[in-house]
Protein backbone atom coordinates (compact mmCIF):
# COMPACT_ATOMS: atom_id res chain seq x y z
CA MET A 1 27.96 11.08 -11.78
CA THR A 2 26.10 7.94 -12.67
CA GLU A 3 26.95 4.64 -11.04
CA PRO A 4 27.77 1.24 -12.53
CA TYR A 5 25.40 -1.67 -12.09
CA PRO A 6 26.07 -3.36 -8.74
CA ASP A 7 27.99 -6.60 -8.57
CA GLN A 8 25.88 -9.64 -9.53
CA PHE A 9 23.02 -7.35 -10.50
CA ALA A 10 21.35 -9.85 -12.85
CA GLU A 11 21.23 -12.53 -10.17
CA LYS A 12 20.07 -10.12 -7.47
CA HIS A 13 17.44 -8.63 -9.77
CA THR A 14 15.99 -12.08 -10.48
CA ILE A 15 15.64 -12.75 -6.76
CA VAL A 16 13.99 -9.39 -6.08
CA GLN A 17 11.73 -9.70 -9.13
CA GLU A 18 10.37 -13.08 -8.13
CA LEU A 19 10.21 -12.63 -4.36
CA PHE A 20 8.96 -9.05 -4.22
CA ILE A 21 7.86 -7.42 -7.49
CA ASN A 22 5.88 -10.31 -8.99
CA THR A 23 4.11 -11.10 -5.73
CA ALA A 24 3.44 -7.39 -5.11
CA ASP A 25 1.87 -7.16 -8.56
CA ASP A 26 -0.44 -10.07 -7.79
CA ASN A 27 -1.33 -8.58 -4.38
CA TYR A 28 -2.11 -5.28 -6.14
CA VAL A 29 -4.49 -6.94 -8.61
CA ALA A 30 -6.15 -8.92 -5.82
CA ALA A 31 -6.50 -5.79 -3.65
CA ARG A 32 -8.25 -3.95 -6.48
CA TRP A 33 -10.60 -6.92 -7.05
CA CYS A 34 -11.44 -6.96 -3.34
CA TYR A 35 -12.24 -3.24 -3.39
CA GLN A 36 -14.43 -3.62 -6.46
CA ASN A 37 -16.37 -6.41 -4.75
CA GLY A 38 -16.77 -4.85 -1.31
CA LEU A 39 -14.26 -7.08 0.49
CA ASN A 40 -12.80 -4.18 2.42
CA VAL A 41 -10.82 -6.06 5.07
CA ASP A 42 -8.89 -7.92 2.39
CA PHE A 43 -8.51 -4.78 0.26
CA PHE A 44 -6.66 -3.02 3.07
CA TRP A 45 -4.58 -6.07 3.99
CA LEU A 46 -3.51 -6.75 0.41
CA ALA A 47 -2.90 -3.06 -0.30
CA VAL A 48 -0.47 -2.86 2.62
CA HIS A 49 1.13 -6.14 1.56
CA SER A 50 1.72 -4.98 -2.02
CA LEU A 51 3.14 -1.59 -1.01
CA GLU A 52 5.44 -3.27 1.51
CA LYS A 53 6.91 -5.44 -1.24
CA TYR A 54 7.30 -2.64 -3.80
CA LEU A 55 9.06 -0.48 -1.22
CA LYS A 56 11.37 -3.31 -0.17
CA ALA A 57 12.18 -4.02 -3.83
CA ALA A 58 13.06 -0.35 -4.35
CA LEU A 59 15.47 -0.48 -1.42
CA LEU A 60 17.09 -3.73 -2.50
CA LEU A 61 17.63 -2.67 -6.12
CA ASN A 62 19.22 0.57 -4.96
CA GLY A 63 21.82 -0.87 -2.65
CA ARG A 64 19.85 -0.77 0.60
CA SER A 65 18.67 -3.49 2.96
CA SER A 66 15.01 -4.38 3.44
CA ARG A 67 15.56 -6.02 6.81
CA ASN A 68 14.17 -4.80 10.15
CA PHE A 69 11.11 -3.10 8.65
CA GLY A 70 8.57 -5.91 9.03
CA HIS A 71 5.21 -4.84 7.57
CA GLU A 72 5.64 -1.20 8.63
CA ILE A 73 5.02 0.65 5.38
CA GLU A 74 5.25 4.07 7.05
CA LYS A 75 8.92 3.44 7.90
CA LEU A 76 9.52 1.85 4.50
CA TYR A 77 8.06 4.81 2.63
CA ALA A 78 10.22 7.18 4.69
CA ALA A 79 13.29 5.10 3.81
CA VAL A 80 12.49 4.96 0.09
CA ARG A 81 11.51 8.60 -0.43
CA PRO A 82 15.08 9.99 -0.29
CA LEU A 83 16.04 7.74 -3.24
CA ALA A 84 14.05 9.96 -5.61
CA PRO A 85 11.85 12.55 -3.88
CA GLU A 86 11.31 14.35 -7.18
CA LEU A 87 9.58 11.26 -8.60
CA LEU A 88 7.06 10.96 -5.78
CA PRO A 89 3.93 13.11 -5.46
CA THR A 90 3.58 15.70 -2.74
CA THR A 91 -0.23 15.39 -2.77
CA LEU A 92 -2.58 12.69 -4.04
CA MET A 93 -4.66 14.53 -6.61
CA LYS A 94 -8.30 14.02 -7.58
CA PRO A 95 -8.43 12.53 -11.10
CA PRO A 96 -10.55 14.46 -13.63
CA GLN A 97 -12.69 11.33 -14.05
CA TYR A 98 -13.79 11.56 -10.40
CA GLU A 99 -17.12 13.37 -10.59
CA LEU A 100 -17.85 14.13 -6.93
CA ASP A 101 -16.70 17.28 -5.18
CA PHE A 102 -15.68 15.40 -2.04
CA TRP A 103 -12.02 14.46 -2.00
CA LEU A 104 -9.99 14.23 1.20
CA SER A 105 -6.74 16.06 0.49
CA GLU A 106 -3.86 13.86 1.66
CA THR A 107 -0.12 13.64 1.31
CA PRO A 108 1.28 10.23 0.37
CA GLU A 109 2.64 9.97 3.91
CA GLY A 110 -0.81 10.64 5.38
CA PHE A 111 -2.45 8.08 3.12
CA VAL A 112 0.23 5.47 3.88
CA LYS A 113 -0.34 5.99 7.61
CA ARG A 114 -4.11 5.60 7.25
CA LEU A 115 -3.72 2.59 4.94
CA TYR A 116 -1.45 0.91 7.49
CA GLN A 117 -3.88 1.60 10.33
CA ASN A 118 -6.64 -0.16 8.39
CA GLY A 119 -4.54 -2.95 6.85
CA GLN A 120 -1.86 -3.84 9.39
CA ALA A 121 -1.37 -7.48 10.32
CA ASP A 122 -3.37 -7.34 13.57
CA ASN A 123 -6.34 -5.88 11.73
CA ARG A 124 -6.73 -9.04 9.65
CA TYR A 125 -8.89 -10.05 12.62
CA GLN A 126 -10.63 -6.65 12.70
CA ILE A 127 -9.26 -5.79 16.12
CA PHE A 128 -9.32 -2.09 15.23
CA GLY A 129 -12.07 -1.99 12.57
CA TYR A 130 -11.68 0.26 9.54
CA VAL A 131 -12.99 3.32 7.74
CA GLN A 132 -12.88 3.13 3.94
CA HIS A 133 -13.27 6.35 1.95
CA MET A 134 -14.73 6.22 -1.54
CA GLU A 135 -11.56 7.63 -3.11
CA ASP A 136 -9.16 5.19 -1.40
CA LEU A 137 -8.77 3.00 -4.49
CA LEU A 138 -7.84 5.96 -6.67
CA LYS A 139 -5.26 7.15 -4.14
CA PHE A 140 -3.85 3.65 -3.86
CA ASP A 141 -3.44 3.51 -7.65
CA GLN A 142 -1.61 6.84 -7.70
CA LEU A 143 0.76 5.70 -4.99
CA VAL A 144 1.57 2.38 -6.66
CA PHE A 145 2.05 4.19 -9.99
CA ALA A 146 4.62 6.46 -8.31
CA VAL A 147 6.41 3.85 -6.18
CA ARG A 148 6.62 0.90 -8.58
CA PRO A 149 9.05 2.55 -11.08
CA LEU A 150 11.51 2.98 -8.21
CA CYS A 151 11.97 -0.81 -8.27
CA GLN A 152 15.04 -0.51 -10.51
CA PRO A 153 18.56 0.89 -10.04
CA LEU A 154 17.95 4.62 -10.23
CA GLU A 155 21.48 5.98 -10.42
CA VAL A 156 22.82 3.90 -13.34
CA ARG A 157 22.94 5.35 -16.85
CA PHE A 158 19.61 5.18 -18.63
CA VAL A 159 21.49 3.99 -21.77
CA SER A 160 24.28 1.46 -21.91
CA GLU A 161 27.88 2.47 -21.26
CA GLU A 162 28.77 1.53 -24.83
CA ALA A 163 26.47 4.11 -26.43
CA THR A 164 28.35 7.06 -27.87
CA ASN A 165 27.30 10.72 -27.82
CA SER A 166 24.56 9.99 -25.29
CA PRO A 167 23.91 12.17 -22.25
CA ASN A 168 25.42 10.92 -19.00
CA GLU A 169 22.05 10.89 -17.23
CA SER A 170 20.91 8.45 -14.61
CA ARG A 171 17.59 6.69 -14.88
CA ARG A 172 16.33 8.85 -12.04
CA GLN A 173 17.28 12.06 -13.86
CA ARG A 174 15.74 10.86 -17.10
CA MET A 175 12.56 9.73 -15.36
CA ALA A 176 12.23 13.12 -13.67
CA ARG A 177 12.22 14.79 -17.09
CA GLY A 178 9.42 12.56 -18.33
CA LYS A 179 7.45 11.21 -15.40
CA GLU A 180 4.35 10.65 -17.52
CA ASN A 181 6.19 8.38 -19.96
CA LYS A 182 4.93 4.93 -19.04
CA VAL A 183 8.01 3.24 -20.51
CA TRP A 184 9.66 3.69 -17.10
CA HIS A 185 6.84 1.71 -15.51
CA ASN A 186 7.47 -1.43 -17.54
CA LEU A 187 9.28 -3.81 -15.20
CA HIS A 188 8.48 -6.89 -17.33
CA ALA A 189 6.78 -8.49 -14.35
CA ASN A 190 3.34 -9.87 -13.45
CA LEU A 191 1.57 -6.53 -13.76
CA GLU A 192 2.63 -6.27 -17.42
CA ARG A 193 1.58 -9.87 -17.99
CA THR A 194 -1.83 -9.11 -16.49
CA MET A 195 -2.25 -6.06 -18.74
CA GLY A 196 -1.45 -8.22 -21.74
CA SER A 197 -2.94 -11.54 -22.71
CA SER A 198 -1.04 -13.79 -20.29
CA ARG A 199 -3.71 -13.63 -17.58
CA SER A 200 -7.47 -14.09 -17.51
CA GLU A 201 -9.87 -11.41 -18.68
CA GLU A 202 -11.21 -11.16 -15.11
CA ALA A 203 -7.72 -10.46 -13.74
CA GLN A 204 -7.16 -7.84 -16.43
CA LYS A 205 -10.42 -6.10 -15.55
CA ALA A 206 -9.57 -6.22 -11.84
CA LEU A 207 -6.33 -4.42 -12.64
CA LEU A 208 -7.54 -1.86 -15.18
CA ASP A 209 -11.14 -0.90 -14.29
CA TRP A 210 -11.02 2.68 -12.90
CA ASN A 211 -7.19 2.45 -12.85
CA TYR A 212 -6.57 5.80 -14.51
CA PRO A 213 -2.77 5.90 -14.04
CA PHE A 214 -2.09 2.43 -15.46
CA ALA A 215 -4.88 1.80 -17.98
CA PRO A 216 -4.36 2.69 -21.66
CA ALA A 217 -5.92 5.99 -22.71
CA ASN A 218 -8.52 4.18 -24.83
CA TYR A 219 -9.53 1.69 -22.11
CA ASN A 220 -13.31 1.44 -21.68
CA HIS A 221 -13.90 1.91 -17.95
CA PRO A 222 -17.25 0.89 -16.42
CA PRO A 223 -19.14 3.56 -14.44
CA LEU A 224 -17.17 4.46 -11.32
CA SER A 225 -18.70 3.16 -8.09
CA TYR A 226 -18.81 5.66 -5.21
CA SER A 227 -19.15 4.11 -1.77
CA THR A 228 -17.84 4.42 1.76
CA SER A 229 -17.74 1.77 4.44
CA SER A 230 -16.71 1.29 8.05
CA GLN A 231 -16.72 -1.40 10.69
CA ASN A 232 -16.66 -0.88 14.43
CA PRO A 233 -14.45 -3.55 16.06
CA VAL A 234 -16.16 -6.21 18.15
CA LEU A 235 -13.69 -5.68 21.01
CA VAL A 236 -14.98 -2.13 21.41
CA ARG A 237 -18.57 -3.33 21.48
CA ARG A 238 -17.95 -6.18 23.93
CA LEU A 239 -15.15 -4.84 26.15
CA PHE A 240 -15.77 -1.08 26.27
CA ASP A 241 -19.47 -0.44 25.68
CA PRO A 242 -20.63 -2.37 28.80
CA LEU A 243 -18.45 -0.05 30.92
CA GLU A 244 -20.17 3.11 29.72
CA GLY A 245 -22.07 4.57 32.68
CA GLY A 246 -22.24 1.29 34.56
CA SER A 247 -21.25 0.25 38.04
CA ASN A 248 -21.36 -3.56 37.88
CA PHE A 249 -18.27 -4.47 35.88
CA GLY A 250 -18.04 -8.16 36.83
CA ASP A 251 -19.29 -9.64 33.55
CA ALA A 252 -17.17 -7.26 31.46
CA ASP A 253 -14.06 -8.13 33.51
CA LYS A 254 -14.76 -11.82 33.14
CA LEU A 255 -15.09 -11.53 29.37
CA TRP A 256 -11.87 -9.50 29.12
CA GLN A 257 -10.03 -12.18 31.10
CA TRP A 258 -11.32 -14.84 28.69
CA VAL A 259 -10.08 -12.81 25.73
CA LYS A 260 -6.60 -12.46 27.26
CA ASP A 261 -6.45 -16.16 28.14
CA ASN A 262 -7.54 -17.49 24.74
CA ILE A 263 -6.82 -14.95 21.97
CA HIS A 264 -3.37 -13.66 21.05
CA LEU A 265 -3.11 -9.90 21.43
CA SER A 266 0.12 -7.94 21.34
CA LYS A 267 1.40 -6.66 24.67
CA SER A 268 1.01 -3.05 23.53
CA LEU A 269 -2.61 -3.67 22.52
CA GLN A 270 -3.39 -5.32 25.86
CA ILE A 271 -1.98 -2.28 27.66
CA GLU A 272 -4.03 0.03 25.46
CA ILE A 273 -7.22 -1.91 26.21
CA GLU A 274 -6.44 -2.03 29.96
CA ASN A 275 -5.91 1.75 30.01
CA GLU A 276 -9.13 2.45 28.16
CA ARG A 277 -11.12 0.11 30.40
CA ALA A 278 -9.68 1.81 33.48
CA ARG A 279 -10.60 5.21 32.05
CA LEU A 280 -14.19 4.12 31.36
CA LYS A 281 -14.55 2.57 34.82
CA ALA A 282 -13.37 5.80 36.44
CA LYS A 283 -15.92 7.96 34.65
CA PRO A 284 -18.68 9.25 36.99
């Protein structure tokens, strides 16, 4: 059985559209621009930010609460998946346009976990560093393409109640029968405005270059750039490396005390660092 639209749906939808979907769309475009220009820290941060908002919008427009999740996209994805598991991929697939043999096979859950590790709030300061794989942008696009259409009430009829002789199918059921039909992806939000002529040409290119799920079939993509990148966190270099094979730990202890006194670190991270420093000190 399909469900009616929830009470005050129009008003609620406007709030969710402006607070979550529109800002997620802009974060998505900005994340892709950062990737294309080698700004990897901001790519990961904005990617996590955009997915967080899409997932929260999906919950809110399907009668759930988005509270108590914070930025934790792993928990959010786990909460959203039961809404329409048949609409979400089981594996992130290598696009035919990707010419290299190397492709790390990942489930969406595995990619979301890795994306969060690289782009979580604490890593804005590069406390943990990052490892960026050359196919991360293409996987990110696939995930957004799958998640974004869930930002609408999935169990209401896909045609109005007044229509006669129409099948009593929900939007979710109809979408499952035609997942490749991009009409379900049109949320009339900032992403659609960027694809059209309402945004700058640079913003449009940031959104569509190499974006095989979203770009029109006749879009002229530039040559795909293949690159990997990583950054070892400075705390590892300054707080751990001096303890490797040494016996005079005074300077390293003094520096660690300065970090604790002057830089905000979460309690769990401080414990993790203390444990690792103790382990390194105890090594023969």
